[in-house]
Amino acid sequence: MSPKCAHSNDPDFFYLVLTWPESFWNILKTRCVPAFGKPAANFMIHGLWPTFNNGSYPVNCANTPFDKSKVSTLIQEMEKNWPPLNCPNGDDGTRIWSHEWLKHGTCSKPLITNQFNYFETTLKLREKVDVLAALQKAGINPNGKRYSVANIIKAIKNGVGFVPKIQCNAFTSFGPSKVMQLYEVYFCMVGGTLEDCTKRTSFVSACTPFIIFPKFK
């Protein structure tokens, strides 16, 4: 996908993007421990991204700084489900939340109009999609073994109710060649409602047919 610094029309849909922390840390080659403790072994929110049907997306649409006081009643849930994964130890989350709000949240009108609405909407969507439970119900566990992408998508569809998009990244600790690992799961939202992502043909996945689901350490 490619960004647009300014937009003349409203986004067509949103991607809710969830990250498997271990796949991120494998590439980073370090682990982040936020001020509020190590993230749980679960998929974490990366962001809610307004997107156009052609795959481009608006960014940085307004210079409205993130104000933590405006989301004070959401902070506990944000710490649990939207922690910083790439940070100096002791990060309180402000940096990643500010980044996501300025880059994506400010471009989310007319559906989302303010900071509280952006973070509340994202957290509520996350509650509806328990990806890890859906995968484990289908016998797909974070154990470092290979699974087919088709089966991963099927398991999520059966467990959550919506067809997602899957993104992978490369990991080199399984031998001399790079192995693709389950990195992120994308869900599609239109008008405040989740729907199958099957229509989003502009999405480009780096996944191979079989990928690793890394163990959470």
C-alpha atoms as a PDB file:
ATOM      1  CA  MET A   1       0.000   0.000   0.000  1.00  0.00           C
ATOM      2  CA  SER A   2       1.117   3.560  -0.643  1.00  0.00           C
ATOM      3  CA  PRO A   3       0.330   6.683   1.379  1.00  0.00           C
ATOM      4  CA  LYS A   4      -1.272   9.941   0.351  1.00  0.00           C
ATOM      5  CA  CYS A   5      -0.282  12.942   2.432  1.00  0.00           C
ATOM      6  CA  ALA A   6      -3.589  14.644   1.827  1.00  0.00           C
ATOM      7  CA  HIS A   7      -6.979  13.303   0.879  1.00  0.00           C
ATOM      8  CA  SER A   8      -9.818  14.815  -1.117  1.00  0.00           C
ATOM      9  CA  ASN A   9     -12.321  12.091  -0.332  1.00  0.00           C
ATOM     10  CA  ASP A  10     -13.315   9.875   2.538  1.00  0.00           C
ATOM     11  CA  PRO A  11     -11.631   6.487   3.094  1.00  0.00           C
ATOM     12  CA  ASP A  12     -13.471   3.526   1.586  1.00  0.00           C
ATOM     13  CA  PHE A  13     -12.806   1.184   4.493  1.00  0.00           C
ATOM     14  CA  PHE A  14     -10.523   0.575   7.457  1.00  0.00           C
ATOM     15  CA  TYR A  15      -8.002  -2.137   8.243  1.00  0.00           C
ATOM     16  CA  LEU A  16      -7.877  -3.293  11.853  1.00  0.00           C
ATOM     17  CA  VAL A  17      -4.314  -4.602  12.085  1.00  0.00           C
ATOM     18  CA  LEU A  18      -3.287  -7.065  14.810  1.00  0.00           C
ATOM     19  CA  THR A  19       0.330  -8.101  15.377  1.00  0.00           C
ATOM     20  CA  TRP A  20       1.767 -11.322  16.797  1.00  0.00           C
ATOM     21  CA  PRO A  21       4.458  -9.840  19.099  1.00  0.00           C
ATOM     22  CA  GLU A  22       6.974 -12.668  18.767  1.00  0.00           C
ATOM     23  CA  SER A  23       7.140 -12.247  14.983  1.00  0.00           C
ATOM     24  CA  PHE A  24       7.871  -8.564  15.455  1.00  0.00           C
ATOM     25  CA  TRP A  25      10.530  -9.195  18.082  1.00  0.00           C
ATOM     26  CA  ASN A  26      12.190 -11.899  15.975  1.00  0.00           C
ATOM     27  CA  ILE A  27      12.924  -9.274  13.340  1.00  0.00           C
ATOM     28  CA  LEU A  28      13.817  -6.594  15.865  1.00  0.00           C
ATOM     29  CA  LYS A  29      16.095  -9.099  17.653  1.00  0.00           C
ATOM     30  CA  THR A  30      15.093  -7.678  21.013  1.00  0.00           C
ATOM     31  CA  ARG A  31      12.017  -7.519  23.232  1.00  0.00           C
ATOM     32  CA  CYS A  32      10.267  -4.487  24.591  1.00  0.00           C
ATOM     33  CA  VAL A  33       9.012  -4.391  28.152  1.00  0.00           C
ATOM     34  CA  PRO A  34       6.704  -1.392  28.588  1.00  0.00           C
ATOM     35  CA  ALA A  35       6.383   0.447  31.886  1.00  0.00           C
ATOM     36  CA  PHE A  36       3.171  -1.481  32.592  1.00  0.00           C
ATOM     37  CA  GLY A  37       4.703  -4.934  32.032  1.00  0.00           C
ATOM     38  CA  LYS A  38       5.393  -7.477  29.306  1.00  0.00           C
ATOM     39  CA  PRO A  39       2.566  -7.885  26.773  1.00  0.00           C
ATOM     40  CA  ALA A  40       0.463 -11.021  27.072  1.00  0.00           C
ATOM     41  CA  ALA A  41       0.880 -13.936  24.668  1.00  0.00           C
ATOM     42  CA  ASN A  42      -1.803 -12.710  22.305  1.00  0.00           C
ATOM     43  CA  PHE A  43      -2.329 -10.685  19.152  1.00  0.00           C
ATOM     44  CA  MET A  44      -1.901  -6.981  19.881  1.00  0.00           C
ATOM     45  CA  ILE A  45      -3.360  -3.968  18.115  1.00  0.00           C
ATOM     46  CA  HIS A  46      -1.060  -2.277  15.625  1.00  0.00           C
ATOM     47  CA  GLY A  47      -3.629   0.235  14.451  1.00  0.00           C
ATOM     48  CA  LEU A  48      -6.867   1.113  12.692  1.00  0.00           C
ATOM     49  CA  TRP A  49      -5.977   2.372   9.231  1.00  0.00           C
ATOM     50  CA  PRO A  50      -8.293   4.264   6.860  1.00  0.00           C
ATOM     51  CA  THR A  51      -7.708   2.969   3.332  1.00  0.00           C
ATOM     52  CA  PHE A  52      -8.877   3.557  -0.234  1.00  0.00           C
ATOM     53  CA  ASN A  53     -10.043   0.758  -2.522  1.00  0.00           C
ATOM     54  CA  ASN A  54      -6.952   1.121  -4.720  1.00  0.00           C
ATOM     55  CA  GLY A  55      -4.706   0.272  -1.764  1.00  0.00           C
ATOM     56  CA  SER A  56      -3.446   3.781  -1.059  1.00  0.00           C
ATOM     57  CA  TYR A  57      -4.209   5.431   2.246  1.00  0.00           C
ATOM     58  CA  PRO A  58      -4.308   8.938   3.695  1.00  0.00           C
ATOM     59  CA  VAL A  59      -1.797   9.917   6.369  1.00  0.00           C
ATOM     60  CA  ASN A  60      -1.168  12.866   8.679  1.00  0.00           C
ATOM     61  CA  CYS A  61      -4.361  14.716   7.803  1.00  0.00           C
ATOM     62  CA  ALA A  62      -4.307  17.162  10.717  1.00  0.00           C
ATOM     63  CA  ASN A  63      -1.790  18.421  13.226  1.00  0.00           C
ATOM     64  CA  THR A  64      -3.866  17.530  16.267  1.00  0.00           C
ATOM     65  CA  PRO A  65      -1.460  16.238  18.941  1.00  0.00           C
ATOM     66  CA  PHE A  66      -2.305  13.140  20.933  1.00  0.00           C
ATOM     67  CA  ASP A  67      -3.643  14.083  24.353  1.00  0.00           C
ATOM     68  CA  LYS A  68      -3.523  11.212  26.816  1.00  0.00           C
ATOM     69  CA  SER A  69      -6.011  12.931  29.107  1.00  0.00           C
ATOM     70  CA  LYS A  70      -8.687  12.657  26.413  1.00  0.00           C
ATOM     71  CA  VAL A  71      -8.518   8.846  26.535  1.00  0.00           C
ATOM     72  CA  SER A  72      -7.892   8.433  30.262  1.00  0.00           C
ATOM     73  CA  THR A  73     -10.804   6.017  30.693  1.00  0.00           C
ATOM     74  CA  LEU A  74      -9.384   3.794  27.935  1.00  0.00           C
ATOM     75  CA  ILE A  75      -5.766   3.639  29.087  1.00  0.00           C
ATOM     76  CA  GLN A  76      -6.083   0.349  30.973  1.00  0.00           C
ATOM     77  CA  GLU A  77      -7.487  -1.405  27.893  1.00  0.00           C
ATOM     78  CA  MET A  78      -4.915   0.289  25.653  1.00  0.00           C
ATOM     79  CA  GLU A  79      -2.089  -0.965  27.850  1.00  0.00           C
ATOM     80  CA  LYS A  80      -3.517  -4.485  27.666  1.00  0.00           C
ATOM     81  CA  ASN A  81      -4.357  -4.674  23.959  1.00  0.00           C
ATOM     82  CA  TRP A  82      -2.300  -1.895  22.321  1.00  0.00           C
ATOM     83  CA  PRO A  83       1.121  -1.913  24.004  1.00  0.00           C
ATOM     84  CA  PRO A  84       4.324  -0.596  22.429  1.00  0.00           C
ATOM     85  CA  LEU A  85       6.321  -3.471  20.926  1.00  0.00           C
ATOM     86  CA  ASN A  86       9.235  -1.421  19.595  1.00  0.00           C
ATOM     87  CA  CYS A  87      10.403   0.771  22.405  1.00  0.00           C
ATOM     88  CA  PRO A  88      13.036   1.463  24.998  1.00  0.00           C
ATOM     89  CA  ASN A  89      12.192  -0.429  28.155  1.00  0.00           C
ATOM     90  CA  GLY A  90       9.835   1.554  30.328  1.00  0.00           C
ATOM     91  CA  ASP A  91       7.850   3.152  27.490  1.00  0.00           C
ATOM     92  CA  ASP A  92       4.394   4.137  28.771  1.00  0.00           C
ATOM     93  CA  GLY A  93       2.710   3.729  25.382  1.00  0.00           C
ATOM     94  CA  THR A  94       2.384   7.417  24.570  1.00  0.00           C
ATOM     95  CA  ARG A  95       4.778   7.225  21.627  1.00  0.00           C
ATOM     96  CA  ILE A  96       2.958   4.488  19.681  1.00  0.00           C
ATOM     97  CA  TRP A  97      -0.508   5.844  20.485  1.00  0.00           C
ATOM     98  CA  SER A  98       0.541   9.316  19.357  1.00  0.00           C
ATOM     99  CA  HIS A  99       2.029   7.896  16.148  1.00  0.00           C
ATOM    100  CA  GLU A 100      -1.091   5.917  15.260  1.00  0.00           C
ATOM    101  CA  TRP A 101      -3.408   8.821  16.051  1.00  0.00           C
ATOM    102  CA  LEU A 102      -1.444  11.404  14.039  1.00  0.00           C
ATOM    103  CA  LYS A 103      -0.755   9.144  11.059  1.00  0.00           C
ATOM    104  CA  HIS A 104      -4.075   7.302  10.799  1.00  0.00           C
ATOM    105  CA  GLY A 105      -6.586   8.609  13.320  1.00  0.00           C
ATOM    106  CA  THR A 106      -6.538  12.145  11.947  1.00  0.00           C
ATOM    107  CA  CYS A 107      -7.557  10.746   8.546  1.00  0.00           C
ATOM    108  CA  SER A 108     -10.530   8.748   9.805  1.00  0.00           C
ATOM    109  CA  LYS A 109     -13.329  11.278   9.284  1.00  0.00           C
ATOM    110  CA  PRO A 110     -16.267  11.269   8.881  1.00  0.00           C
ATOM    111  CA  LEU A 111     -16.700   7.912  10.650  1.00  0.00           C
ATOM    112  CA  ILE A 112     -14.272   8.776  13.441  1.00  0.00           C
ATOM    113  CA  THR A 113     -14.066  12.399  14.532  1.00  0.00           C
ATOM    114  CA  ASN A 114     -11.851  12.610  17.616  1.00  0.00           C
ATOM    115  CA  GLN A 115      -9.171  10.839  19.636  1.00  0.00           C
ATOM    116  CA  PHE A 116     -11.495   9.140  22.085  1.00  0.00           C
ATOM    117  CA  ASN A 117     -13.654   7.818  19.251  1.00  0.00           C
ATOM    118  CA  TYR A 118     -10.598   6.498  17.383  1.00  0.00           C
ATOM    119  CA  PHE A 119      -9.180   4.527  20.282  1.00  0.00           C
ATOM    120  CA  GLU A 120     -12.554   3.376  21.612  1.00  0.00           C
ATOM    121  CA  THR A 121     -13.619   2.130  18.166  1.00  0.00           C
ATOM    122  CA  THR A 122     -10.370   0.223  17.731  1.00  0.00           C
ATOM    123  CA  LEU A 123     -10.589  -1.413  21.152  1.00  0.00           C
ATOM    124  CA  LYS A 124     -14.204  -2.459  20.583  1.00  0.00           C
ATOM    125  CA  LEU A 125     -13.307  -4.020  17.244  1.00  0.00           C
ATOM    126  CA  ARG A 126     -10.468  -5.913  18.912  1.00  0.00           C
ATOM    127  CA  GLU A 127     -12.939  -7.386  21.407  1.00  0.00           C
ATOM    128  CA  LYS A 128     -14.872  -8.937  18.524  1.00  0.00           C
ATOM    129  CA  VAL A 129     -11.942 -10.809  16.980  1.00  0.00           C
ATOM    130  CA  ASP A 130     -10.178 -13.270  19.278  1.00  0.00           C
ATOM    131  CA  VAL A 131      -7.713 -14.519  16.680  1.00  0.00           C
ATOM    132  CA  LEU A 132      -5.622 -16.671  19.008  1.00  0.00           C
ATOM    133  CA  ALA A 133      -8.657 -18.525  20.361  1.00  0.00           C
ATOM    134  CA  ALA A 134      -9.903 -19.144  16.818  1.00  0.00           C
ATOM    135  CA  LEU A 135      -6.552 -20.549  15.729  1.00  0.00           C
ATOM    136  CA  GLN A 136      -6.106 -22.728  18.796  1.00  0.00           C
ATOM    137  CA  LYS A 137      -9.614 -24.125  18.407  1.00  0.00           C
ATOM    138  CA  ALA A 138      -8.501 -25.352  14.975  1.00  0.00           C
ATOM    139  CA  GLY A 139      -5.288 -26.871  16.358  1.00  0.00           C
ATOM    140  CA  ILE A 140      -3.086 -24.030  15.115  1.00  0.00           C
ATOM    141  CA  ASN A 141      -0.831 -23.096  18.010  1.00  0.00           C
ATOM    142  CA  PRO A 142       2.137 -20.755  18.489  1.00  0.00           C
ATOM    143  CA  ASN A 143       4.694 -23.544  18.710  1.00  0.00           C
ATOM    144  CA  GLY A 144       7.167 -22.772  15.937  1.00  0.00           C
ATOM    145  CA  LYS A 145       5.610 -25.285  13.554  1.00  0.00           C
ATOM    146  CA  ARG A 146       4.541 -24.719   9.958  1.00  0.00           C
ATOM    147  CA  TYR A 147       0.898 -24.214   9.054  1.00  0.00           C
ATOM    148  CA  SER A 148      -0.784 -23.484   5.753  1.00  0.00           C
ATOM    149  CA  VAL A 149      -1.989 -19.933   5.227  1.00  0.00           C
ATOM    150  CA  ALA A 150      -5.218 -21.307   3.783  1.00  0.00           C
ATOM    151  CA  ASN A 151      -5.910 -23.202   7.013  1.00  0.00           C
ATOM    152  CA  ILE A 152      -5.051 -20.147   9.110  1.00  0.00           C
ATOM    153  CA  ILE A 153      -7.527 -18.011   7.173  1.00  0.00           C
ATOM    154  CA  LYS A 154     -10.170 -20.746   7.381  1.00  0.00           C
ATOM    155  CA  ALA A 155      -9.684 -21.107  11.146  1.00  0.00           C
ATOM    156  CA  ILE A 156     -10.044 -17.371  11.711  1.00  0.00           C
ATOM    157  CA  LYS A 157     -13.124 -17.214   9.491  1.00  0.00           C
ATOM    158  CA  ASN A 158     -14.724 -20.105  11.381  1.00  0.00           C
ATOM    159  CA  GLY A 159     -13.813 -18.759  14.817  1.00  0.00           C
ATOM    160  CA  VAL A 160     -14.338 -15.039  14.333  1.00  0.00           C
ATOM    161  CA  GLY A 161     -16.832 -14.882  11.497  1.00  0.00           C
ATOM    162  CA  PHE A 162     -14.852 -12.813   8.999  1.00  0.00           C
ATOM    163  CA  VAL A 163     -12.277 -13.581   6.310  1.00  0.00           C
ATOM    164  CA  PRO A 164      -9.046 -11.702   7.118  1.00  0.00           C
ATOM    165  CA  LYS A 165      -5.915 -10.877   5.201  1.00  0.00           C
ATOM    166  CA  ILE A 166      -2.652 -12.358   6.488  1.00  0.00           C
ATOM    167  CA  GLN A 167       0.752 -10.684   6.425  1.00  0.00           C
ATOM    168  CA  CYS A 168       4.096 -12.375   7.035  1.00  0.00           C
ATOM    169  CA  ASN A 169       7.689 -11.366   7.613  1.00  0.00           C
ATOM    170  CA  ALA A 170      10.939 -13.270   7.197  1.00  0.00           C
ATOM    171  CA  PHE A 171      12.830 -14.925  10.035  1.00  0.00           C
ATOM    172  CA  THR A 172      16.302 -16.444   9.701  1.00  0.00           C
ATOM    173  CA  SER A 173      16.663 -18.556  12.850  1.00  0.00           C
ATOM    174  CA  PHE A 174      15.342 -21.732  11.252  1.00  0.00           C
ATOM    175  CA  GLY A 175      18.432 -22.440   9.166  1.00  0.00           C
ATOM    176  CA  PRO A 176      20.352 -20.752   6.362  1.00  0.00           C
ATOM    177  CA  SER A 177      17.250 -19.738   4.405  1.00  0.00           C
ATOM    178  CA  LYS A 178      14.633 -17.258   5.484  1.00  0.00           C
ATOM    179  CA  VAL A 179      11.338 -18.652   6.725  1.00  0.00           C
ATOM    180  CA  MET A 180       8.138 -16.654   6.556  1.00  0.00           C
ATOM    181  CA  GLN A 181       6.290 -16.311   9.848  1.00  0.00           C
ATOM    182  CA  LEU A 182       2.780 -15.220  10.801  1.00  0.00           C
ATOM    183  CA  TYR A 183       3.173 -11.526  11.508  1.00  0.00           C
ATOM    184  CA  GLU A 184      -0.120  -9.655  11.249  1.00  0.00           C
ATOM    185  CA  VAL A 185      -3.819 -10.271  10.723  1.00  0.00           C
ATOM    186  CA  TYR A 186      -5.873  -7.628   8.907  1.00  0.00           C
ATOM    187  CA  PHE A 187      -9.635  -7.277   9.350  1.00  0.00           C
ATOM    188  CA  CYS A 188     -11.799  -5.014   7.198  1.00  0.00           C
ATOM    189  CA  MET A 189     -14.320  -2.520   8.552  1.00  0.00           C
ATOM    190  CA  VAL A 190     -16.831  -0.554   6.491  1.00  0.00           C
ATOM    191  CA  GLY A 191     -19.154   1.976   8.095  1.00  0.00           C
ATOM    192  CA  GLY A 192     -18.334   0.737  11.579  1.00  0.00           C
ATOM    193  CA  THR A 193     -19.058  -2.918  10.746  1.00  0.00           C
ATOM    194  CA  LEU A 194     -16.574  -5.724  10.176  1.00  0.00           C
ATOM    195  CA  GLU A 195     -16.857  -7.602   6.892  1.00  0.00           C
ATOM    196  CA  ASP A 196     -14.924 -10.199   4.880  1.00  0.00           C
ATOM    197  CA  CYS A 197     -11.728  -8.869   3.317  1.00  0.00           C
ATOM    198  CA  THR A 198     -12.200 -10.917   0.144  1.00  0.00           C
ATOM    199  CA  LYS A 199     -12.951  -7.791  -1.921  1.00  0.00           C
ATOM    200  CA  ARG A 200      -9.666  -6.112  -0.961  1.00  0.00           C
ATOM    201  CA  THR A 201      -7.695  -7.284  -3.985  1.00  0.00           C
ATOM    202  CA  SER A 202      -5.104  -4.500  -3.689  1.00  0.00           C
ATOM    203  CA  PHE A 203      -3.667  -6.125  -0.549  1.00  0.00           C
ATOM    204  CA  VAL A 204      -0.221  -7.605  -1.180  1.00  0.00           C
ATOM    205  CA  SER A 205       0.843 -10.432   1.118  1.00  0.00           C
ATOM    206  CA  ALA A 206       4.437 -11.545   1.617  1.00  0.00           C
ATOM    207  CA  CYS A 207       3.319 -14.963   2.860  1.00  0.00           C
ATOM    208  CA  THR A 208       4.371 -18.250   1.319  1.00  0.00           C
ATOM    209  CA  PRO A 209       1.809 -21.111   1.269  1.00  0.00           C
ATOM    210  CA  PHE A 210       3.204 -22.517   4.539  1.00  0.00           C
ATOM    211  CA  ILE A 211       4.413 -20.291   7.376  1.00  0.00           C
ATOM    212  CA  ILE A 212       5.739 -20.532  10.929  1.00  0.00           C
ATOM    213  CA  PHE A 213       3.623 -19.532  13.923  1.00  0.00           C
ATOM    214  CA  PRO A 214       6.396 -18.574  16.402  1.00  0.00           C
ATOM    215  CA  LYS A 215       6.242 -19.587  20.029  1.00  0.00           C
ATOM    216  CA  PHE A 216       5.745 -16.714  22.465  1.00  0.00           C
ATOM    217  CA  LYS A 217       8.799 -16.556  24.723  1.00  0.00           C
END
